[in-house]
């Protein structure tokens, strides 16, 4: 499923947060939105999802222009946002239609996909941060979204758990080939996961640069090509300067 943004802008209380953002994402492509705080990355994601319809410009999903929430679009937030009174399985199947047995069968299949097939009976308070985010991923995937949006989904996790979930996301992507748009402030995460990185700068945020990554998957985290791309991104953001403090 394709995604296209044309001149998208958003203003809050007379202050423009995003201006003239245009890009496309092809079927199965992983796009990263990268930039410093306050440049409108999450604002763009909320507009794509339909959670925010008060934006300028147009967003088309598979050629259809709409401002509504769509079943074809899944959203994974920074926090898992699980219902504490529901079990892991009930959190994953919440809102699904069909009989209880059908929903449970589907939910268990997606919990197995994220490595939690033995945790269906647990409650959120019994989960680690990484496990809770796996539940959130399963919940987003259970509706078979053709476009998956992720808003800094691993930023609250420790480095090792973050890397494990990045690899899990890529394994899921291989299986379902969803179009993915991920908001991140982690340059290493962006270069490891994405086919293309869109760099946003300024307030209001505007597209400063697009960088394609040709290195095939699976990628080595210590790849020289990824290191060169990281340097290019740092330079684009004005963060690759060494300042000498003279006392």
C-alpha atoms as a PDB file:
ATOM      1  CA  UNK A   1       0.000   0.000   0.000  1.00  0.00           C
ATOM      2  CA  UNK A   2       1.382   3.396  -0.975  1.00  0.00           C
ATOM      3  CA  UNK A   3       1.414   6.575   1.072  1.00  0.00           C
ATOM      4  CA  UNK A   4       1.726  10.139  -0.231  1.00  0.00           C
ATOM      5  CA  UNK A   5       1.930  13.454   1.614  1.00  0.00           C
ATOM      6  CA  UNK A   6       1.490  16.712  -0.305  1.00  0.00           C
ATOM      7  CA  UNK A   7       2.402  20.050   1.320  1.00  0.00           C
ATOM      8  CA  UNK A   8       1.312  18.956   4.777  1.00  0.00           C
ATOM      9  CA  UNK A   9       1.407  21.659   7.440  1.00  0.00           C
ATOM     10  CA  UNK A  10       0.046  22.016  10.955  1.00  0.00           C
ATOM     11  CA  UNK A  11      -0.562  25.064  13.140  1.00  0.00           C
ATOM     12  CA  UNK A  12      -1.324  25.042  16.875  1.00  0.00           C
ATOM     13  CA  UNK A  13      -2.595  28.236  18.497  1.00  0.00           C
ATOM     14  CA  UNK A  14      -1.169  30.442  15.716  1.00  0.00           C
ATOM     15  CA  UNK A  15       2.228  28.710  15.926  1.00  0.00           C
ATOM     16  CA  UNK A  16       3.166  26.636  12.896  1.00  0.00           C
ATOM     17  CA  UNK A  17       4.677  23.277  13.863  1.00  0.00           C
ATOM     18  CA  UNK A  18       5.163  21.778  10.378  1.00  0.00           C
ATOM     19  CA  UNK A  19       5.325  23.404   6.954  1.00  0.00           C
ATOM     20  CA  UNK A  20       5.071  22.013   3.395  1.00  0.00           C
ATOM     21  CA  UNK A  21       6.061  18.418   4.111  1.00  0.00           C
ATOM     22  CA  UNK A  22       5.811  16.208   1.016  1.00  0.00           C
ATOM     23  CA  UNK A  23       7.048  12.658   0.533  1.00  0.00           C
ATOM     24  CA  UNK A  24       5.911   9.258  -0.700  1.00  0.00           C
ATOM     25  CA  UNK A  25       6.361   5.744   0.666  1.00  0.00           C
ATOM     26  CA  UNK A  26       6.055   2.728  -1.603  1.00  0.00           C
ATOM     27  CA  UNK A  27       4.647  -0.670  -0.721  1.00  0.00           C
ATOM     28  CA  UNK A  28       6.938  -2.402   1.775  1.00  0.00           C
ATOM     29  CA  UNK A  29       9.277   0.563   2.181  1.00  0.00           C
ATOM     30  CA  UNK A  30      10.601   1.548   5.632  1.00  0.00           C
ATOM     31  CA  UNK A  31      10.781   5.328   5.982  1.00  0.00           C
ATOM     32  CA  UNK A  32      12.423   7.081   8.921  1.00  0.00           C
ATOM     33  CA  UNK A  33      11.483  10.578  10.092  1.00  0.00           C
ATOM     34  CA  UNK A  34      14.522  11.915  11.886  1.00  0.00           C
ATOM     35  CA  UNK A  35      15.258  15.252  13.486  1.00  0.00           C
ATOM     36  CA  UNK A  36      15.848  17.117  16.717  1.00  0.00           C
ATOM     37  CA  UNK A  37      13.063  17.743  19.240  1.00  0.00           C
ATOM     38  CA  UNK A  38      10.299  20.114  18.194  1.00  0.00           C
ATOM     39  CA  UNK A  39      10.610  19.747  14.420  1.00  0.00           C
ATOM     40  CA  UNK A  40       7.202  18.095  14.007  1.00  0.00           C
ATOM     41  CA  UNK A  41       8.008  14.405  13.518  1.00  0.00           C
ATOM     42  CA  UNK A  42       5.189  13.111  15.734  1.00  0.00           C
ATOM     43  CA  UNK A  43       2.815  15.760  14.355  1.00  0.00           C
ATOM     44  CA  UNK A  44       3.288  14.303  10.875  1.00  0.00           C
ATOM     45  CA  UNK A  45       2.709  10.776  12.148  1.00  0.00           C
ATOM     46  CA  UNK A  46      -0.540  11.746  13.874  1.00  0.00           C
ATOM     47  CA  UNK A  47      -1.762  13.368  10.658  1.00  0.00           C
ATOM     48  CA  UNK A  48      -1.008  10.209   8.654  1.00  0.00           C
ATOM     49  CA  UNK A  49      -2.821   8.069  11.218  1.00  0.00           C
ATOM     50  CA  UNK A  50      -5.978  10.186  11.206  1.00  0.00           C
ATOM     51  CA  UNK A  51      -5.638  10.947  14.926  1.00  0.00           C
ATOM     52  CA  UNK A  52      -5.223  14.591  13.897  1.00  0.00           C
ATOM     53  CA  UNK A  53      -7.268  15.870  10.952  1.00  0.00           C
ATOM     54  CA  UNK A  54      -6.695  19.621  11.414  1.00  0.00           C
ATOM     55  CA  UNK A  55      -3.738  19.881   9.056  1.00  0.00           C
ATOM     56  CA  UNK A  56      -3.160  21.653   5.744  1.00  0.00           C
ATOM     57  CA  UNK A  57      -2.352  19.784   2.549  1.00  0.00           C
ATOM     58  CA  UNK A  58      -3.303  16.264   1.538  1.00  0.00           C
ATOM     59  CA  UNK A  59      -2.486  12.728   2.651  1.00  0.00           C
ATOM     60  CA  UNK A  60      -3.378   9.853   0.329  1.00  0.00           C
ATOM     61  CA  UNK A  61      -3.364   6.184   1.290  1.00  0.00           C
ATOM     62  CA  UNK A  62      -3.257   3.958  -1.767  1.00  0.00           C
ATOM     63  CA  UNK A  63      -4.373   6.911  -3.875  1.00  0.00           C
ATOM     64  CA  UNK A  64      -7.329   7.778  -1.651  1.00  0.00           C
ATOM     65  CA  UNK A  65      -7.269  11.187   0.048  1.00  0.00           C
ATOM     66  CA  UNK A  66      -8.802  11.005   3.515  1.00  0.00           C
ATOM     67  CA  UNK A  67      -8.527  12.529   6.997  1.00  0.00           C
ATOM     68  CA  UNK A  68     -10.217   9.672   8.814  1.00  0.00           C
ATOM     69  CA  UNK A  69      -8.717   6.873  10.891  1.00  0.00           C
ATOM     70  CA  UNK A  70      -8.370   3.841   8.642  1.00  0.00           C
ATOM     71  CA  UNK A  71      -8.311   0.122   9.420  1.00  0.00           C
ATOM     72  CA  UNK A  72      -5.356  -0.296   7.064  1.00  0.00           C
ATOM     73  CA  UNK A  73      -3.140   1.844   9.329  1.00  0.00           C
ATOM     74  CA  UNK A  74      -1.654   0.595  12.611  1.00  0.00           C
ATOM     75  CA  UNK A  75       0.035   2.778  15.258  1.00  0.00           C
ATOM     76  CA  UNK A  76       2.660   1.843  17.849  1.00  0.00           C
ATOM     77  CA  UNK A  77       3.283   4.556  20.447  1.00  0.00           C
ATOM     78  CA  UNK A  78       6.334   5.311  22.564  1.00  0.00           C
ATOM     79  CA  UNK A  79       4.557   3.826  25.596  1.00  0.00           C
ATOM     80  CA  UNK A  80       2.786   0.434  25.302  1.00  0.00           C
ATOM     81  CA  UNK A  81      -0.547   1.942  26.504  1.00  0.00           C
ATOM     82  CA  UNK A  82      -1.896  -1.425  27.641  1.00  0.00           C
ATOM     83  CA  UNK A  83      -5.096  -1.810  29.650  1.00  0.00           C
ATOM     84  CA  UNK A  84      -3.863  -2.823  33.136  1.00  0.00           C
ATOM     85  CA  UNK A  85      -7.028  -4.784  33.959  1.00  0.00           C
ATOM     86  CA  UNK A  86      -6.767  -7.008  30.864  1.00  0.00           C
ATOM     87  CA  UNK A  87      -4.463  -9.956  30.286  1.00  0.00           C
ATOM     88  CA  UNK A  88      -1.826  -9.863  27.562  1.00  0.00           C
ATOM     89  CA  UNK A  89      -4.075 -11.872  25.243  1.00  0.00           C
ATOM     90  CA  UNK A  90      -7.108  -9.683  25.946  1.00  0.00           C
ATOM     91  CA  UNK A  91      -5.041  -6.557  25.281  1.00  0.00           C
ATOM     92  CA  UNK A  92      -3.997  -7.919  21.894  1.00  0.00           C
ATOM     93  CA  UNK A  93      -7.507  -8.946  20.874  1.00  0.00           C
ATOM     94  CA  UNK A  94      -9.303  -5.900  22.313  1.00  0.00           C
ATOM     95  CA  UNK A  95     -11.618  -4.421  19.682  1.00  0.00           C
ATOM     96  CA  UNK A  96     -11.430  -7.373  17.293  1.00  0.00           C
ATOM     97  CA  UNK A  97     -14.651  -8.702  15.817  1.00  0.00           C
ATOM     98  CA  UNK A  98     -15.650 -12.354  15.765  1.00  0.00           C
ATOM     99  CA  UNK A  99     -16.202 -15.161  18.254  1.00  0.00           C
ATOM    100  CA  UNK A 100     -14.090 -15.480  21.393  1.00  0.00           C
ATOM    101  CA  UNK A 101     -12.355 -18.594  20.073  1.00  0.00           C
ATOM    102  CA  UNK A 102     -11.534 -16.923  16.745  1.00  0.00           C
ATOM    103  CA  UNK A 103     -10.111 -13.850  18.464  1.00  0.00           C
ATOM    104  CA  UNK A 104      -8.060 -15.930  20.888  1.00  0.00           C
ATOM    105  CA  UNK A 105      -6.634 -18.057  18.081  1.00  0.00           C
ATOM    106  CA  UNK A 106      -5.605 -14.955  16.154  1.00  0.00           C
ATOM    107  CA  UNK A 107      -4.216 -13.217  19.232  1.00  0.00           C
ATOM    108  CA  UNK A 108      -2.115 -16.235  20.232  1.00  0.00           C
ATOM    109  CA  UNK A 109      -0.678 -16.443  16.719  1.00  0.00           C
ATOM    110  CA  UNK A 110       0.535 -12.841  16.908  1.00  0.00           C
ATOM    111  CA  UNK A 111       1.867 -13.296  20.435  1.00  0.00           C
ATOM    112  CA  UNK A 112       3.904 -16.199  19.088  1.00  0.00           C
ATOM    113  CA  UNK A 113       5.226 -13.875  16.353  1.00  0.00           C
ATOM    114  CA  UNK A 114       6.617 -11.533  19.018  1.00  0.00           C
ATOM    115  CA  UNK A 115       7.927 -14.315  21.265  1.00  0.00           C
ATOM    116  CA  UNK A 116       5.253 -14.100  23.974  1.00  0.00           C
ATOM    117  CA  UNK A 117       3.262 -17.277  23.391  1.00  0.00           C
ATOM    118  CA  UNK A 118       3.792 -18.318  27.055  1.00  0.00           C
ATOM    119  CA  UNK A 119       2.723 -14.938  28.456  1.00  0.00           C
ATOM    120  CA  UNK A 120      -0.882 -14.712  27.241  1.00  0.00           C
ATOM    121  CA  UNK A 121      -2.298 -15.069  30.773  1.00  0.00           C
ATOM    122  CA  UNK A 122      -0.122 -12.395  32.378  1.00  0.00           C
ATOM    123  CA  UNK A 123      -1.201  -8.846  33.248  1.00  0.00           C
ATOM    124  CA  UNK A 124       0.741  -5.709  32.200  1.00  0.00           C
ATOM    125  CA  UNK A 125       2.147  -5.164  35.717  1.00  0.00           C
ATOM    126  CA  UNK A 126       3.885  -8.542  35.423  1.00  0.00           C
ATOM    127  CA  UNK A 127       5.756  -7.568  32.240  1.00  0.00           C
ATOM    128  CA  UNK A 128       9.132  -5.960  31.675  1.00  0.00           C
ATOM    129  CA  UNK A 129       9.293  -2.850  29.500  1.00  0.00           C
ATOM    130  CA  UNK A 130      10.457  -4.883  26.513  1.00  0.00           C
ATOM    131  CA  UNK A 131       7.706  -7.470  26.963  1.00  0.00           C
ATOM    132  CA  UNK A 132       5.050  -4.753  27.232  1.00  0.00           C
ATOM    133  CA  UNK A 133       6.237  -3.182  23.985  1.00  0.00           C
ATOM    134  CA  UNK A 134       6.113  -6.607  22.310  1.00  0.00           C
ATOM    135  CA  UNK A 135       2.463  -6.823  23.363  1.00  0.00           C
ATOM    136  CA  UNK A 136       1.874  -3.374  21.841  1.00  0.00           C
ATOM    137  CA  UNK A 137       3.484  -4.537  18.585  1.00  0.00           C
ATOM    138  CA  UNK A 138       1.283  -7.663  18.505  1.00  0.00           C
ATOM    139  CA  UNK A 139      -1.807  -5.528  19.185  1.00  0.00           C
ATOM    140  CA  UNK A 140      -0.955  -3.217  16.280  1.00  0.00           C
ATOM    141  CA  UNK A 141      -0.295  -6.126  13.919  1.00  0.00           C
ATOM    142  CA  UNK A 142      -3.334  -8.250  14.756  1.00  0.00           C
ATOM    143  CA  UNK A 143      -5.531  -6.149  12.450  1.00  0.00           C
ATOM    144  CA  UNK A 144      -3.089  -6.796   9.548  1.00  0.00           C
ATOM    145  CA  UNK A 145      -2.306  -3.116   8.843  1.00  0.00           C
ATOM    146  CA  UNK A 146      -0.863  -2.343   5.434  1.00  0.00           C
ATOM    147  CA  UNK A 147       0.796   0.779   6.847  1.00  0.00           C
ATOM    148  CA  UNK A 148       2.464   0.643  10.256  1.00  0.00           C
ATOM    149  CA  UNK A 149       3.343   3.884  12.062  1.00  0.00           C
ATOM    150  CA  UNK A 150       5.796   3.886  14.969  1.00  0.00           C
ATOM    151  CA  UNK A 151       6.412   6.907  17.201  1.00  0.00           C
ATOM    152  CA  UNK A 152       9.797   6.389  18.910  1.00  0.00           C
ATOM    153  CA  UNK A 153       8.652   2.905  19.986  1.00  0.00           C
ATOM    154  CA  UNK A 154      11.922   1.774  21.582  1.00  0.00           C
ATOM    155  CA  UNK A 155      13.236   5.014  23.092  1.00  0.00           C
ATOM    156  CA  UNK A 156      12.320   4.127  26.686  1.00  0.00           C
ATOM    157  CA  UNK A 157      14.115   0.763  26.585  1.00  0.00           C
ATOM    158  CA  UNK A 158      17.672  -0.186  27.459  1.00  0.00           C
ATOM    159  CA  UNK A 159      20.150  -0.523  24.586  1.00  0.00           C
ATOM    160  CA  UNK A 160      20.115  -4.328  24.398  1.00  0.00           C
ATOM    161  CA  UNK A 161      16.316  -4.643  24.533  1.00  0.00           C
ATOM    162  CA  UNK A 162      16.069  -1.894  21.923  1.00  0.00           C
ATOM    163  CA  UNK A 163      18.313  -3.816  19.522  1.00  0.00           C
ATOM    164  CA  UNK A 164      16.338  -7.020  20.078  1.00  0.00           C
ATOM    165  CA  UNK A 165      13.070  -5.267  19.260  1.00  0.00           C
ATOM    166  CA  UNK A 166      14.574  -3.591  16.197  1.00  0.00           C
ATOM    167  CA  UNK A 167      15.454  -7.058  14.885  1.00  0.00           C
ATOM    168  CA  UNK A 168      11.984  -8.309  15.824  1.00  0.00           C
ATOM    169  CA  UNK A 169      10.444  -5.450  13.824  1.00  0.00           C
ATOM    170  CA  UNK A 170      12.529  -6.378  10.773  1.00  0.00           C
ATOM    171  CA  UNK A 171      11.524 -10.047  11.083  1.00  0.00           C
ATOM    172  CA  UNK A 172       7.867  -9.036  11.219  1.00  0.00           C
ATOM    173  CA  UNK A 173       8.370  -6.699   8.260  1.00  0.00           C
ATOM    174  CA  UNK A 174       9.851  -9.591   6.233  1.00  0.00           C
ATOM    175  CA  UNK A 175       6.738 -11.637   6.949  1.00  0.00           C
ATOM    176  CA  UNK A 176       4.042  -9.011   6.330  1.00  0.00           C
ATOM    177  CA  UNK A 177       5.780  -6.464   4.061  1.00  0.00           C
ATOM    178  CA  UNK A 178       3.865  -3.570   5.588  1.00  0.00           C
ATOM    179  CA  UNK A 179       4.825  -0.048   4.615  1.00  0.00           C
ATOM    180  CA  UNK A 180       6.466   1.401   7.737  1.00  0.00           C
ATOM    181  CA  UNK A 181       7.004   4.999   8.832  1.00  0.00           C
ATOM    182  CA  UNK A 182       9.034   5.294  12.027  1.00  0.00           C
ATOM    183  CA  UNK A 183       9.713   8.474  13.983  1.00  0.00           C
ATOM    184  CA  UNK A 184      13.025   8.360  15.804  1.00  0.00           C
ATOM    185  CA  UNK A 185      15.728  10.599  17.217  1.00  0.00           C
ATOM    186  CA  UNK A 186      18.191   7.676  17.223  1.00  0.00           C
ATOM    187  CA  UNK A 187      20.451   7.934  14.159  1.00  0.00           C
ATOM    188  CA  UNK A 188      21.826   4.398  14.565  1.00  0.00           C
ATOM    189  CA  UNK A 189      18.273   3.041  14.716  1.00  0.00           C
ATOM    190  CA  UNK A 190      17.304   4.948  11.575  1.00  0.00           C
ATOM    191  CA  UNK A 191      20.288   3.740   9.531  1.00  0.00           C
ATOM    192  CA  UNK A 192      19.822   0.143  10.716  1.00  0.00           C
ATOM    193  CA  UNK A 193      16.096  -0.080   9.990  1.00  0.00           C
ATOM    194  CA  UNK A 194      15.233   2.254   7.137  1.00  0.00           C
ATOM    195  CA  UNK A 195      15.340   2.220   3.350  1.00  0.00           C
ATOM    196  CA  UNK A 196      15.126   6.001   3.316  1.00  0.00           C
ATOM    197  CA  UNK A 197      15.593   8.665   5.973  1.00  0.00           C
ATOM    198  CA  UNK A 198      13.780  12.011   5.833  1.00  0.00           C
ATOM    199  CA  UNK A 199      15.557  14.655   7.896  1.00  0.00           C
ATOM    200  CA  UNK A 200      13.424  17.419   9.368  1.00  0.00           C
ATOM    201  CA  UNK A 201      14.814  20.672  10.700  1.00  0.00           C
ATOM    202  CA  UNK A 202      13.600  23.930  12.106  1.00  0.00           C
ATOM    203  CA  UNK A 203      10.524  25.282  13.855  1.00  0.00           C
ATOM    204  CA  UNK A 204       8.299  24.954  11.956  1.00  0.00           C
ATOM    205  CA  UNK A 205       9.761  21.674  10.776  1.00  0.00           C
ATOM    206  CA  UNK A 206      10.523  21.289   7.082  1.00  0.00           C
ATOM    207  CA  UNK A 207      12.235  18.567   5.096  1.00  0.00           C
ATOM    208  CA  UNK A 208      15.929  19.375   4.932  1.00  0.00           C
ATOM    209  CA  UNK A 209      17.222  16.258   3.218  1.00  0.00           C
ATOM    210  CA  UNK A 210      16.360  12.720   2.108  1.00  0.00           C
ATOM    211  CA  UNK A 211      18.947   9.960   2.322  1.00  0.00           C
ATOM    212  CA  UNK A 212      18.515   6.554   0.692  1.00  0.00           C
ATOM    213  CA  UNK A 213      20.268   3.518   2.187  1.00  0.00           C
ATOM    214  CA  UNK A 214      21.272   0.917  -0.368  1.00  0.00           C
ATOM    215  CA  UNK A 215      22.938  -1.569   1.988  1.00  0.00           C
ATOM    216  CA  UNK A 216      21.047  -4.882   1.836  1.00  0.00           C
ATOM    217  CA  UNK A 217      19.580  -6.578   4.887  1.00  0.00           C
ATOM    218  CA  UNK A 218      20.599  -8.068   7.230  1.00  0.00           C
ATOM    219  CA  UNK A 219      22.827  -5.099   7.998  1.00  0.00           C
ATOM    220  CA  UNK A 220      25.822  -5.113  10.300  1.00  0.00           C
ATOM    221  CA  UNK A 221      25.435  -2.483  13.010  1.00  0.00           C
ATOM    222  CA  UNK A 222      29.117  -1.633  12.663  1.00  0.00           C
ATOM    223  CA  UNK A 223      28.983  -1.270   8.866  1.00  0.00           C
ATOM    224  CA  UNK A 224      31.252   1.387   7.401  1.00  0.00           C
ATOM    225  CA  UNK A 225      28.491   2.493   5.025  1.00  0.00           C
ATOM    226  CA  UNK A 226      26.088   3.055   7.925  1.00  0.00           C
ATOM    227  CA  UNK A 227      28.835   4.943   9.761  1.00  0.00           C
ATOM    228  CA  UNK A 228      29.324   7.207   6.727  1.00  0.00           C
ATOM    229  CA  UNK A 229      25.563   7.823   6.516  1.00  0.00           C
ATOM    230  CA  UNK A 230      25.496   8.658  10.235  1.00  0.00           C
ATOM    231  CA  UNK A 231      28.229  11.231   9.663  1.00  0.00           C
ATOM    232  CA  UNK A 232      26.232  12.713   6.773  1.00  0.00           C
ATOM    233  CA  UNK A 233      23.141  12.967   8.993  1.00  0.00           C
ATOM    234  CA  UNK A 234      25.077  14.594  11.833  1.00  0.00           C
ATOM    235  CA  UNK A 235      26.501  17.145   9.418  1.00  0.00           C
ATOM    236  CA  UNK A 236      23.037  17.828   8.013  1.00  0.00           C
ATOM    237  CA  UNK A 237      21.746  18.474  11.548  1.00  0.00           C
ATOM    238  CA  UNK A 238      24.774  20.633  12.400  1.00  0.00           C
ATOM    239  CA  UNK A 239      25.853  18.207  15.131  1.00  0.00           C
ATOM    240  CA  UNK A 240      29.181  16.967  13.792  1.00  0.00           C
ATOM    241  CA  UNK A 241      31.376  19.804  15.028  1.00  0.00           C
ATOM    242  CA  UNK A 242      34.047  19.506  17.693  1.00  0.00           C
ATOM    243  CA  UNK A 243      34.179  22.521  19.940  1.00  0.00           C
ATOM    244  CA  UNK A 244      37.298  23.253  21.978  1.00  0.00           C
ATOM    245  CA  UNK A 245      36.710  24.886  25.315  1.00  0.00           C
ATOM    246  CA  UNK A 246      39.498  27.350  26.132  1.00  0.00           C
ATOM    247  CA  UNK A 247      39.761  28.279  29.758  1.00  0.00           C
END
